[in-house]
PDB file of N, CA and C in Angstrom:
ATOM      1  N   MET A   1      12.132  -7.751 -11.183  1.00  0.00           N
ATOM      2  CA  MET A   1      12.393  -7.784 -12.324  1.00  0.00           C
ATOM      3  C   MET A   1      13.459  -6.756 -13.159  1.00  0.00           C
ATOM      4  N   PHE A   2      14.465  -7.429 -13.744  1.00  0.00           N
ATOM      5  CA  PHE A   2      15.088  -6.395 -14.327  1.00  0.00           C
ATOM      6  C   PHE A   2      15.298  -6.161 -15.760  1.00  0.00           C
ATOM      7  N   TYR A   3      15.254  -4.600 -15.686  1.00  0.00           N
ATOM      8  CA  TYR A   3      14.728  -4.525 -17.329  1.00  0.00           C
ATOM      9  C   TYR A   3      16.304  -3.532 -17.932  1.00  0.00           C
ATOM     10  N   THR A   4      16.604  -3.592 -19.226  1.00  0.00           N
ATOM     11  CA  THR A   4      17.673  -3.049 -19.534  1.00  0.00           C
ATOM     12  C   THR A   4      17.079  -1.451 -19.881  1.00  0.00           C
ATOM     13  N   PHE A   5      16.217  -1.356 -20.187  1.00  0.00           N
ATOM     14  CA  PHE A   5      15.492  -0.053 -20.643  1.00  0.00           C
ATOM     15  C   PHE A   5      15.328   0.823 -19.166  1.00  0.00           C
ATOM     16  N   GLY A   6      15.674   2.354 -19.000  1.00  0.00           N
ATOM     17  CA  GLY A   6      15.203   3.001 -17.771  1.00  0.00           C
ATOM     18  C   GLY A   6      13.610   3.339 -17.846  1.00  0.00           C
ATOM     19  N   PHE A   7      13.003   3.428 -19.222  1.00  0.00           N
ATOM     20  CA  PHE A   7      11.712   4.006 -18.845  1.00  0.00           C
ATOM     21  C   PHE A   7      10.714   2.993 -18.609  1.00  0.00           C
ATOM     22  N   VAL A   8      11.094   2.037 -18.775  1.00  0.00           N
ATOM     23  CA  VAL A   8      10.409   0.825 -18.292  1.00  0.00           C
ATOM     24  C   VAL A   8      10.154   0.381 -16.763  1.00  0.00           C
ATOM     25  N   MET A   9      11.738   0.635 -16.412  1.00  0.00           N
ATOM     26  CA  MET A   9      11.746   0.243 -15.134  1.00  0.00           C
ATOM     27  C   MET A   9      10.933   1.745 -14.037  1.00  0.00           C
ATOM     28  N   GLU A  10      10.937   3.090 -14.577  1.00  0.00           N
ATOM     29  CA  GLU A  10      10.571   4.153 -14.122  1.00  0.00           C
ATOM     30  C   GLU A  10       9.107   3.977 -14.411  1.00  0.00           C
ATOM     31  N   LYS A  11       8.489   3.367 -15.090  1.00  0.00           N
ATOM     32  CA  LYS A  11       7.115   3.133 -15.255  1.00  0.00           C
ATOM     33  C   LYS A  11       6.130   2.404 -14.424  1.00  0.00           C
ATOM     34  N   ASP A  12       7.267   0.919 -14.309  1.00  0.00           N
ATOM     35  CA  ASP A  12       7.089   0.528 -13.040  1.00  0.00           C
ATOM     36  C   ASP A  12       7.016   0.560 -11.593  1.00  0.00           C
ATOM     37  N   LEU A  13       7.996   1.647 -11.253  1.00  0.00           N
ATOM     38  CA  LEU A  13       8.509   2.009 -10.121  1.00  0.00           C
ATOM     39  C   LEU A  13       7.093   2.979 -10.013  1.00  0.00           C
ATOM     40  N   GLN A  14       6.044   4.035 -11.012  1.00  0.00           N
ATOM     41  CA  GLN A  14       5.322   4.897 -10.589  1.00  0.00           C
ATOM     42  C   GLN A  14       4.138   3.659 -10.705  1.00  0.00           C
ATOM     43  N   ILE A  15       4.028   2.649 -10.861  1.00  0.00           N
ATOM     44  CA  ILE A  15       2.392   1.827 -11.008  1.00  0.00           C
ATOM     45  C   ILE A  15       3.055   1.555  -9.249  1.00  0.00           C
ATOM     46  N   ILE A  16       3.894   0.701  -8.495  1.00  0.00           N
ATOM     47  CA  ILE A  16       4.261   0.553  -7.683  1.00  0.00           C
ATOM     48  C   ILE A  16       3.822   1.743  -6.546  1.00  0.00           C
ATOM     49  N   GLU A  17       4.135   2.700  -6.853  1.00  0.00           N
ATOM     50  CA  GLU A  17       3.861   4.184  -5.859  1.00  0.00           C
ATOM     51  C   GLU A  17       2.601   4.343  -6.016  1.00  0.00           C
ATOM     52  N   LEU A  18       1.734   4.188  -7.202  1.00  0.00           N
ATOM     53  CA  LEU A  18       0.036   4.285  -7.320  1.00  0.00           C
ATOM     54  C   LEU A  18      -0.453   3.269  -6.099  1.00  0.00           C
ATOM     55  N   PHE A  19       0.271   1.845  -6.228  1.00  0.00           N
ATOM     56  CA  PHE A  19      -0.117   0.728  -5.366  1.00  0.00           C
ATOM     57  C   PHE A  19      -0.346   1.129  -3.856  1.00  0.00           C
ATOM     58  N   GLU A  20       1.038   1.520  -3.480  1.00  0.00           N
ATOM     59  CA  GLU A  20       0.965   2.441  -2.370  1.00  0.00           C
ATOM     60  C   GLU A  20      -0.037   3.297  -1.776  1.00  0.00           C
ATOM     61  N   ILE A  21      -0.323   3.960  -2.550  1.00  0.00           N
ATOM     62  CA  ILE A  21      -1.422   4.927  -2.413  1.00  0.00           C
ATOM     63  C   ILE A  21      -2.859   4.362  -2.458  1.00  0.00           C
ATOM     64  N   TYR A  22      -3.096   3.645  -3.337  1.00  0.00           N
ATOM     65  CA  TYR A  22      -4.311   3.164  -3.660  1.00  0.00           C
ATOM     66  C   TYR A  22      -4.872   1.827  -3.559  1.00  0.00           C
ATOM     67  N   LYS A  23      -3.736   0.898  -2.725  1.00  0.00           N
ATOM     68  CA  LYS A  23      -3.890  -0.482  -2.361  1.00  0.00           C
ATOM     69  C   LYS A  23      -5.697  -0.440  -1.552  1.00  0.00           C
ATOM     70  N   SER A  24      -6.101   0.117  -0.845  1.00  0.00           N
ATOM     71  CA  SER A  24      -6.977   0.064   0.025  1.00  0.00           C
ATOM     72  C   SER A  24      -8.336  -0.110  -0.837  1.00  0.00           C
ATOM     73  N   LEU A  25      -8.043   0.407  -2.095  1.00  0.00           N
ATOM     74  CA  LEU A  25      -9.265   0.497  -2.853  1.00  0.00           C
ATOM     75  C   LEU A  25      -9.650  -0.834  -3.725  1.00  0.00           C
ATOM     76  N   LEU A  26      -8.781  -1.659  -3.485  1.00  0.00           N
ATOM     77  CA  LEU A  26      -8.390  -2.678  -4.360  1.00  0.00           C
ATOM     78  C   LEU A  26      -8.810  -4.076  -3.267  1.00  0.00           C
ATOM     79  N   THR A  27      -9.485  -5.101  -4.019  1.00  0.00           N
ATOM     80  CA  THR A  27      -9.684  -6.097  -3.252  1.00  0.00           C
ATOM     81  C   THR A  27      -8.822  -7.022  -3.006  1.00  0.00           C
ATOM     82  N   GLU A  28      -8.777  -7.949  -1.867  1.00  0.00           N
ATOM     83  CA  GLU A  28      -7.812  -8.480  -1.025  1.00  0.00           C
ATOM     84  C   GLU A  28      -6.872  -9.428  -2.378  1.00  0.00           C
ATOM     85  N   LYS A  29      -7.654 -10.073  -3.401  1.00  0.00           N
ATOM     86  CA  LYS A  29      -7.028 -10.907  -4.111  1.00  0.00           C
ATOM     87  C   LYS A  29      -6.411 -10.084  -4.999  1.00  0.00           C
ATOM     88  N   GLN A  30      -6.948  -9.099  -5.620  1.00  0.00           N
ATOM     89  CA  GLN A  30      -6.181  -8.017  -6.397  1.00  0.00           C
ATOM     90  C   GLN A  30      -4.900  -7.602  -5.772  1.00  0.00           C
ATOM     91  N   ARG A  31      -4.593  -7.566  -4.574  1.00  0.00           N
ATOM     92  CA  ARG A  31      -3.573  -6.974  -3.567  1.00  0.00           C
ATOM     93  C   ARG A  31      -2.570  -8.076  -3.389  1.00  0.00           C
ATOM     94  N   ASP A  32      -3.121  -9.161  -3.484  1.00  0.00           N
ATOM     95  CA  ASP A  32      -2.157 -10.335  -3.271  1.00  0.00           C
ATOM     96  C   ASP A  32      -1.496 -10.741  -4.506  1.00  0.00           C
ATOM     97  N   ILE A  33      -2.230 -10.579  -5.638  1.00  0.00           N
ATOM     98  CA  ILE A  33      -1.783 -10.776  -7.030  1.00  0.00           C
ATOM     99  C   ILE A  33      -0.632  -9.576  -7.546  1.00  0.00           C
ATOM    100  N   PHE A  34      -1.044  -8.522  -7.361  1.00  0.00           N
ATOM    101  CA  PHE A  34       0.001  -7.337  -7.751  1.00  0.00           C
ATOM    102  C   PHE A  34       1.182  -7.661  -6.905  1.00  0.00           C
ATOM    103  N   SER A  35       0.991  -7.809  -5.587  1.00  0.00           N
ATOM    104  CA  SER A  35       2.152  -7.603  -4.428  1.00  0.00           C
ATOM    105  C   SER A  35       3.120  -8.937  -5.111  1.00  0.00           C
ATOM    106  N   SER A  36       2.365  -9.871  -5.402  1.00  0.00           N
ATOM    107  CA  SER A  36       3.390 -11.398  -5.770  1.00  0.00           C
ATOM    108  C   SER A  36       4.175 -11.123  -6.812  1.00  0.00           C
ATOM    109  N   TYR A  37       3.184 -10.517  -8.036  1.00  0.00           N
ATOM    110  CA  TYR A  37       4.036 -10.351  -9.102  1.00  0.00           C
ATOM    111  C   TYR A  37       5.149  -9.015  -9.236  1.00  0.00           C
ATOM    112  N   TYR A  38       4.816  -8.100  -8.343  1.00  0.00           N
ATOM    113  CA  TYR A  38       5.771  -6.635  -8.224  1.00  0.00           C
ATOM    114  C   TYR A  38       6.595  -6.654  -7.466  1.00  0.00           C
ATOM    115  N   TYR A  39       5.924  -7.153  -5.861  1.00  0.00           N
ATOM    116  CA  TYR A  39       7.174  -6.869  -5.019  1.00  0.00           C
ATOM    117  C   TYR A  39       8.061  -8.538  -4.671  1.00  0.00           C
ATOM    118  N   LEU A  40       7.519  -9.852  -4.970  1.00  0.00           N
ATOM    119  CA  LEU A  40       8.207 -10.794  -4.880  1.00  0.00           C
ATOM    120  C   LEU A  40       8.712 -11.494  -6.120  1.00  0.00           C
ATOM    121  N   ASP A  41       8.579 -10.767  -7.243  1.00  0.00           N
ATOM    122  CA  ASP A  41       9.015 -10.844  -8.628  1.00  0.00           C
ATOM    123  C   ASP A  41       8.627 -12.373  -9.067  1.00  0.00           C
ATOM    124  N   LEU A  42       6.940 -12.898  -8.863  1.00  0.00           N
ATOM    125  CA  LEU A  42       6.685 -13.859  -8.821  1.00  0.00           C
ATOM    126  C   LEU A  42       6.573 -14.135 -10.336  1.00  0.00           C
ATOM    127  N   SER A  43       6.615 -15.380 -11.446  1.00  0.00           N
ATOM    128  CA  SER A  43       6.066 -15.576 -12.483  1.00  0.00           C
ATOM    129  C   SER A  43       4.793 -15.502 -12.543  1.00  0.00           C
ATOM    130  N   LEU A  44       3.883 -15.439 -13.588  1.00  0.00           N
ATOM    131  CA  LEU A  44       2.484 -15.378 -13.507  1.00  0.00           C
ATOM    132  C   LEU A  44       2.053 -16.680 -13.267  1.00  0.00           C
ATOM    133  N   ALA A  45       2.788 -17.935 -13.497  1.00  0.00           N
ATOM    134  CA  ALA A  45       2.911 -19.368 -13.500  1.00  0.00           C
ATOM    135  C   ALA A  45       2.765 -19.597 -11.804  1.00  0.00           C
ATOM    136  N   GLU A  46       3.834 -19.067 -11.043  1.00  0.00           N
ATOM    137  CA  GLU A  46       4.027 -19.162  -9.631  1.00  0.00           C
ATOM    138  C   GLU A  46       3.305 -18.781  -8.949  1.00  0.00           C
ATOM    139  N   ILE A  47       2.336 -17.561  -9.606  1.00  0.00           N
ATOM    140  CA  ILE A  47       1.120 -16.854  -8.931  1.00  0.00           C
ATOM    141  C   ILE A  47      -0.173 -17.830  -8.759  1.00  0.00           C
ATOM    142  N   ALA A  48      -0.111 -18.034 -10.040  1.00  0.00           N
ATOM    143  CA  ALA A  48      -1.423 -19.093 -10.246  1.00  0.00           C
ATOM    144  C   ALA A  48      -1.573 -20.487  -9.869  1.00  0.00           C
ATOM    145  N   GLU A  49      -0.328 -21.249  -9.905  1.00  0.00           N
ATOM    146  CA  GLU A  49      -0.547 -22.361  -9.439  1.00  0.00           C
ATOM    147  C   GLU A  49      -1.021 -22.695  -8.352  1.00  0.00           C
ATOM    148  N   PRO A  50      -0.337 -21.794  -6.862  1.00  0.00           N
ATOM    149  CA  PRO A  50      -1.286 -22.606  -5.735  1.00  0.00           C
ATOM    150  C   PRO A  50      -2.551 -22.250  -5.357  1.00  0.00           C
ATOM    151  N   GLU A  51      -3.270 -21.593  -6.293  1.00  0.00           N
ATOM    152  CA  GLU A  51      -5.114 -21.370  -6.408  1.00  0.00           C
ATOM    153  C   GLU A  51      -5.680 -21.904  -7.377  1.00  0.00           C
ATOM    154  N   GLY A  52      -4.804 -22.797  -8.360  1.00  0.00           N
ATOM    155  CA  GLY A  52      -5.296 -23.491  -9.176  1.00  0.00           C
ATOM    156  C   GLY A  52      -5.971 -22.448 -10.547  1.00  0.00           C
ATOM    157  N   ASN A  53      -5.306 -21.396 -10.406  1.00  0.00           N
ATOM    158  CA  ASN A  53      -5.607 -20.241 -11.615  1.00  0.00           C
ATOM    159  C   ASN A  53      -4.873 -20.493 -12.761  1.00  0.00           C
ATOM    160  N   THR A  54      -5.127 -19.842 -14.195  1.00  0.00           N
ATOM    161  CA  THR A  54      -4.329 -20.087 -14.921  1.00  0.00           C
ATOM    162  C   THR A  54      -3.411 -19.006 -14.828  1.00  0.00           C
ATOM    163  N   ARG A  55      -2.316 -18.960 -16.076  1.00  0.00           N
ATOM    164  CA  ARG A  55      -1.342 -17.841 -16.304  1.00  0.00           C
ATOM    165  C   ARG A  55      -1.778 -16.510 -16.773  1.00  0.00           C
ATOM    166  N   GLN A  56      -3.004 -16.619 -17.661  1.00  0.00           N
ATOM    167  CA  GLN A  56      -3.818 -15.774 -17.996  1.00  0.00           C
ATOM    168  C   GLN A  56      -4.472 -15.042 -17.360  1.00  0.00           C
ATOM    169  N   SER A  57      -5.434 -15.702 -15.977  1.00  0.00           N
ATOM    170  CA  SER A  57      -5.852 -14.797 -15.322  1.00  0.00           C
ATOM    171  C   SER A  57      -5.547 -14.044 -14.369  1.00  0.00           C
ATOM    172  N   VAL A  58      -4.281 -14.503 -13.956  1.00  0.00           N
ATOM    173  CA  VAL A  58      -3.179 -13.785 -13.395  1.00  0.00           C
ATOM    174  C   VAL A  58      -2.955 -12.543 -13.879  1.00  0.00           C
ATOM    175  N   TYR A  59      -2.244 -12.743 -15.057  1.00  0.00           N
ATOM    176  CA  TYR A  59      -1.987 -11.531 -16.326  1.00  0.00           C
ATOM    177  C   TYR A  59      -3.158 -10.421 -16.524  1.00  0.00           C
ATOM    178  N   GLU A  60      -4.327 -11.129 -16.489  1.00  0.00           N
ATOM    179  CA  GLU A  60      -5.657 -10.195 -16.977  1.00  0.00           C
ATOM    180  C   GLU A  60      -5.806  -9.647 -15.314  1.00  0.00           C
ATOM    181  N   THR A  61      -5.600 -10.353 -14.186  1.00  0.00           N
ATOM    182  CA  THR A  61      -5.855  -9.250 -12.856  1.00  0.00           C
ATOM    183  C   THR A  61      -4.978  -8.333 -12.861  1.00  0.00           C
ATOM    184  N   VAL A  62      -3.467  -8.692 -13.306  1.00  0.00           N
ATOM    185  CA  VAL A  62      -2.335  -7.846 -13.245  1.00  0.00           C
ATOM    186  C   VAL A  62      -2.763  -6.596 -14.120  1.00  0.00           C
ATOM    187  N   LYS A  63      -2.988  -6.765 -15.443  1.00  0.00           N
ATOM    188  CA  LYS A  63      -3.378  -5.490 -16.088  1.00  0.00           C
ATOM    189  C   LYS A  63      -4.877  -4.867 -15.493  1.00  0.00           C
ATOM    190  N   LYS A  64      -5.704  -5.248 -14.982  1.00  0.00           N
ATOM    191  CA  LYS A  64      -7.099  -4.633 -14.625  1.00  0.00           C
ATOM    192  C   LYS A  64      -6.586  -4.085 -13.226  1.00  0.00           C
ATOM    193  N   VAL A  65      -5.696  -4.482 -12.700  1.00  0.00           N
ATOM    194  CA  VAL A  65      -5.211  -3.498 -11.102  1.00  0.00           C
ATOM    195  C   VAL A  65      -4.338  -2.504 -12.122  1.00  0.00           C
ATOM    196  N   LYS A  66      -3.644  -2.359 -12.819  1.00  0.00           N
ATOM    197  CA  LYS A  66      -2.807  -1.313 -13.385  1.00  0.00           C
ATOM    198  C   LYS A  66      -3.689  -0.402 -13.951  1.00  0.00           C
ATOM    199  N   ALA A  67      -4.438  -0.782 -14.599  1.00  0.00           N
ATOM    200  CA  ALA A  67      -5.735  -0.150 -15.312  1.00  0.00           C
ATOM    201  C   ALA A  67      -6.460   0.957 -14.094  1.00  0.00           C
ATOM    202  N   LYS A  68      -6.641   0.255 -13.121  1.00  0.00           N
ATOM    203  CA  LYS A  68      -7.533   0.747 -12.017  1.00  0.00           C
ATOM    204  C   LYS A  68      -6.475   1.855 -11.265  1.00  0.00           C
ATOM    205  N   LEU A  69      -5.550   1.325 -11.288  1.00  0.00           N
ATOM    206  CA  LEU A  69      -4.557   2.503 -10.307  1.00  0.00           C
ATOM    207  C   LEU A  69      -4.423   3.828 -10.895  1.00  0.00           C
ATOM    208  N   ILE A  70      -4.255   3.679 -12.292  1.00  0.00           N
ATOM    209  CA  ILE A  70      -3.805   4.900 -13.224  1.00  0.00           C
ATOM    210  C   ILE A  70      -5.416   5.215 -13.105  1.00  0.00           C
ATOM    211  N   GLY A  71      -6.748   4.798 -13.302  1.00  0.00           N
ATOM    212  CA  GLY A  71      -7.571   5.362 -13.093  1.00  0.00           C
ATOM    213  C   GLY A  71      -7.993   6.161 -12.158  1.00  0.00           C
ATOM    214  N   PHE A  72      -7.403   5.255 -11.019  1.00  0.00           N
ATOM    215  CA  PHE A  72      -7.162   6.554  -9.515  1.00  0.00           C
ATOM    216  C   PHE A  72      -6.837   7.632  -9.733  1.00  0.00           C
ATOM    217  N   GLU A  73      -5.908   7.316  -9.809  1.00  0.00           N
ATOM    218  CA  GLU A  73      -4.779   8.353  -9.986  1.00  0.00           C
ATOM    219  C   GLU A  73      -5.180   9.499 -10.958  1.00  0.00           C
ATOM    220  N   LYS A  74      -5.941   9.404 -12.138  1.00  0.00           N
ATOM    221  CA  LYS A  74      -6.611  10.467 -12.955  1.00  0.00           C
ATOM    222  C   LYS A  74      -7.713  10.842 -12.354  1.00  0.00           C
ATOM    223  N   GLU A  75      -8.460  10.573 -11.663  1.00  0.00           N
ATOM    224  CA  GLU A  75      -9.325  11.161 -10.720  1.00  0.00           C
ATOM    225  C   GLU A  75      -8.993  11.879  -9.551  1.00  0.00           C
ATOM    226  N   LEU A  76      -8.024  10.804  -8.411  1.00  0.00           N
ATOM    227  CA  LEU A  76      -7.628  11.606  -7.355  1.00  0.00           C
ATOM    228  C   LEU A  76      -6.446  12.859  -7.165  1.00  0.00           C
ATOM    229  N   LYS A  77      -5.703  12.476  -8.145  1.00  0.00           N
ATOM    230  CA  LYS A  77      -4.393  12.800  -8.509  1.00  0.00           C
ATOM    231  C   LYS A  77      -3.308  13.223  -7.251  1.00  0.00           C
ATOM    232  N   VAL A  78      -3.830  11.717  -6.088  1.00  0.00           N
ATOM    233  CA  VAL A  78      -2.462  12.047  -5.143  1.00  0.00           C
ATOM    234  C   VAL A  78      -1.290  12.009  -5.364  1.00  0.00           C
ATOM    235  N   LEU A  79      -0.668  11.059  -6.298  1.00  0.00           N
ATOM    236  CA  LEU A  79       0.642  11.280  -6.238  1.00  0.00           C
ATOM    237  C   LEU A  79       1.133  12.388  -6.987  1.00  0.00           C
ATOM    238  N   GLU A  80       0.196  12.920  -8.034  1.00  0.00           N
ATOM    239  CA  GLU A  80       0.713  14.109  -8.595  1.00  0.00           C
ATOM    240  C   GLU A  80       0.520  15.087  -7.297  1.00  0.00           C
ATOM    241  N   LYS A  81      -0.088  15.464  -6.813  1.00  0.00           N
ATOM    242  CA  LYS A  81       0.023  16.421  -5.430  1.00  0.00           C
ATOM    243  C   LYS A  81       1.390  16.260  -4.934  1.00  0.00           C
ATOM    244  N   GLU A  82       1.281  14.953  -4.531  1.00  0.00           N
ATOM    245  CA  GLU A  82       2.145  14.674  -3.543  1.00  0.00           C
ATOM    246  C   GLU A  82       3.855  15.106  -4.202  1.00  0.00           C
ATOM    247  N   GLN A  83       3.826  14.710  -5.473  1.00  0.00           N
ATOM    248  CA  GLN A  83       4.983  15.032  -6.144  1.00  0.00           C
ATOM    249  C   GLN A  83       5.345  16.696  -6.291  1.00  0.00           C
ATOM    250  N   LYS A  84       4.237  17.200  -6.214  1.00  0.00           N
ATOM    251  CA  LYS A  84       4.327  18.802  -6.341  1.00  0.00           C
ATOM    252  C   LYS A  84       4.481  19.425  -4.900  1.00  0.00           C
ATOM    253  N   LEU A  85       3.923  18.822  -4.229  1.00  0.00           N
ATOM    254  CA  LEU A  85       4.541  19.332  -2.559  1.00  0.00           C
ATOM    255  C   LEU A  85       6.073  19.007  -2.096  1.00  0.00           C
ATOM    256  N   LEU A  86       6.625  17.677  -2.492  1.00  0.00           N
ATOM    257  CA  LEU A  86       7.847  17.519  -2.518  1.00  0.00           C
ATOM    258  C   LEU A  86       8.390  18.332  -3.514  1.00  0.00           C
ATOM    259  N   SER A  87       8.014  18.802  -4.506  1.00  0.00           N
ATOM    260  CA  SER A  87       8.996  19.497  -4.897  1.00  0.00           C
ATOM    261  C   SER A  87       9.305  21.340  -4.473  1.00  0.00           C
ATOM    262  N   VAL A  88       8.083  21.541  -3.944  1.00  0.00           N
ATOM    263  CA  VAL A  88       8.001  22.755  -3.110  1.00  0.00           C
ATOM    264  C   VAL A  88       8.947  22.640  -2.027  1.00  0.00           C
ATOM    265  N   ALA A  89       8.308  21.630  -1.134  1.00  0.00           N
ATOM    266  CA  ALA A  89       9.534  21.404  -0.207  1.00  0.00           C
ATOM    267  C   ALA A  89      11.083  21.576   0.074  1.00  0.00           C
ATOM    268  N   ASN A  90      11.091  20.845  -1.282  1.00  0.00           N
ATOM    269  CA  ASN A  90      12.869  20.834  -1.729  1.00  0.00           C
ATOM    270  C   ASN A  90      13.283  22.097  -2.245  1.00  0.00           C
ATOM    271  N   ARG A  91      12.225  23.271  -2.469  1.00  0.00           N
ATOM    272  CA  ARG A  91      13.076  24.956  -2.847  1.00  0.00           C
ATOM    273  C   ARG A  91      12.662  25.352  -1.404  1.00  0.00           C
ATOM    274  N   ILE A  92      12.332  25.036  -0.464  1.00  0.00           N
ATOM    275  CA  ILE A  92      12.298  25.696   0.588  1.00  0.00           C
ATOM    276  C   ILE A  92      13.643  25.703   1.610  1.00  0.00           C
ATOM    277  N   ASN A  93      13.826  26.915   2.183  1.00  0.00           N
ATOM    278  CA  ASN A  93      15.006  27.060   2.793  1.00  0.00           C
ATOM    279  C   ASN A  93      14.746  26.795   4.346  1.00  0.00           C
ATOM    280  N   ASP A  94      13.606  27.198   4.872  1.00  0.00           N
ATOM    281  CA  ASP A  94      13.535  26.758   6.168  1.00  0.00           C
ATOM    282  C   ASP A  94      13.673  25.115   6.249  1.00  0.00           C
ATOM    283  N   LYS A  95      14.401  24.713   7.018  1.00  0.00           N
ATOM    284  CA  LYS A  95      14.594  23.021   7.366  1.00  0.00           C
ATOM    285  C   LYS A  95      13.551  22.683   8.074  1.00  0.00           C
ATOM    286  N   GLY A  96      13.176  23.663   8.925  1.00  0.00           N
ATOM    287  CA  GLY A  96      11.870  22.889  10.025  1.00  0.00           C
ATOM    288  C   GLY A  96      10.939  22.847   9.088  1.00  0.00           C
ATOM    289  N   LEU A  97      10.308  23.525   8.364  1.00  0.00           N
ATOM    290  CA  LEU A  97       9.307  23.695   7.428  1.00  0.00           C
ATOM    291  C   LEU A  97       9.430  22.475   6.344  1.00  0.00           C
ATOM    292  N   LYS A  98      10.599  22.187   5.832  1.00  0.00           N
ATOM    293  CA  LYS A  98      10.599  21.574   4.891  1.00  0.00           C
ATOM    294  C   LYS A  98      10.572  19.874   5.180  1.00  0.00           C
ATOM    295  N   GLN A  99      10.910  19.636   6.305  1.00  0.00           N
ATOM    296  CA  GLN A  99      10.939  18.437   7.019  1.00  0.00           C
ATOM    297  C   GLN A  99       9.456  18.177   7.405  1.00  0.00           C
ATOM    298  N   GLU A 100       8.795  19.361   7.438  1.00  0.00           N
ATOM    299  CA  GLU A 100       7.487  19.291   8.040  1.00  0.00           C
ATOM    300  C   GLU A 100       6.509  18.699   7.040  1.00  0.00           C
ATOM    301  N   ILE A 101       7.017  19.278   6.063  1.00  0.00           N
ATOM    302  CA  ILE A 101       5.957  19.313   4.431  1.00  0.00           C
ATOM    303  C   ILE A 101       6.254  17.618   4.230  1.00  0.00           C
ATOM    304  N   LYS A 102       7.542  17.138   4.388  1.00  0.00           N
ATOM    305  CA  LYS A 102       8.299  16.203   3.868  1.00  0.00           C
ATOM    306  C   LYS A 102       7.691  14.620   4.780  1.00  0.00           C
ATOM    307  N   ASP A 103       7.299  15.251   6.199  1.00  0.00           N
ATOM    308  CA  ASP A 103       6.636  14.140   6.793  1.00  0.00           C
ATOM    309  C   ASP A 103       4.806  14.156   6.598  1.00  0.00           C
ATOM    310  N   ILE A 104       4.538  15.461   6.411  1.00  0.00           N
ATOM    311  CA  ILE A 104       3.151  15.139   6.004  1.00  0.00           C
ATOM    312  C   ILE A 104       2.761  14.161   4.733  1.00  0.00           C
ATOM    313  N   ILE A 105       3.941  14.364   3.805  1.00  0.00           N
ATOM    314  CA  ILE A 105       3.549  13.498   2.475  1.00  0.00           C
ATOM    315  C   ILE A 105       4.178  12.044   2.735  1.00  0.00           C
ATOM    316  N   GLY A 106       4.728  11.641   3.939  1.00  0.00           N
ATOM    317  CA  GLY A 106       5.532  10.594   4.081  1.00  0.00           C
ATOM    318  C   GLY A 106       6.934  10.158   3.300  1.00  0.00           C
ATOM    319  N   ARG A 107       7.575  11.188   2.922  1.00  0.00           N
ATOM    320  CA  ARG A 107       8.937  11.149   2.211  1.00  0.00           C
ATOM    321  C   ARG A 107      10.116  11.357   3.037  1.00  0.00           C
TER     322      ARG A 107
END
């Protein structure tokens, strides 16, 4: 998806980051629909058609997944902690320690 407003794209990127962290907490169907919409950039109709679903049901699933991801982050704060650790790592002068922290958080 291409957006002309940077804040929309940034918000989508954050949702994708949350998906990468919490996807194992979603159902297979939720993961498939979210991936098709955000990673493959398929339209709601393109996602709905093969399964005989409606665009509305796909939209509701995407909306529900986004709400779940935000809820998981509010409770668990994994992304927030990861970003804080990355910030600390970037301020460390010891390159070995900096890289070790980045390796732990997968960056």
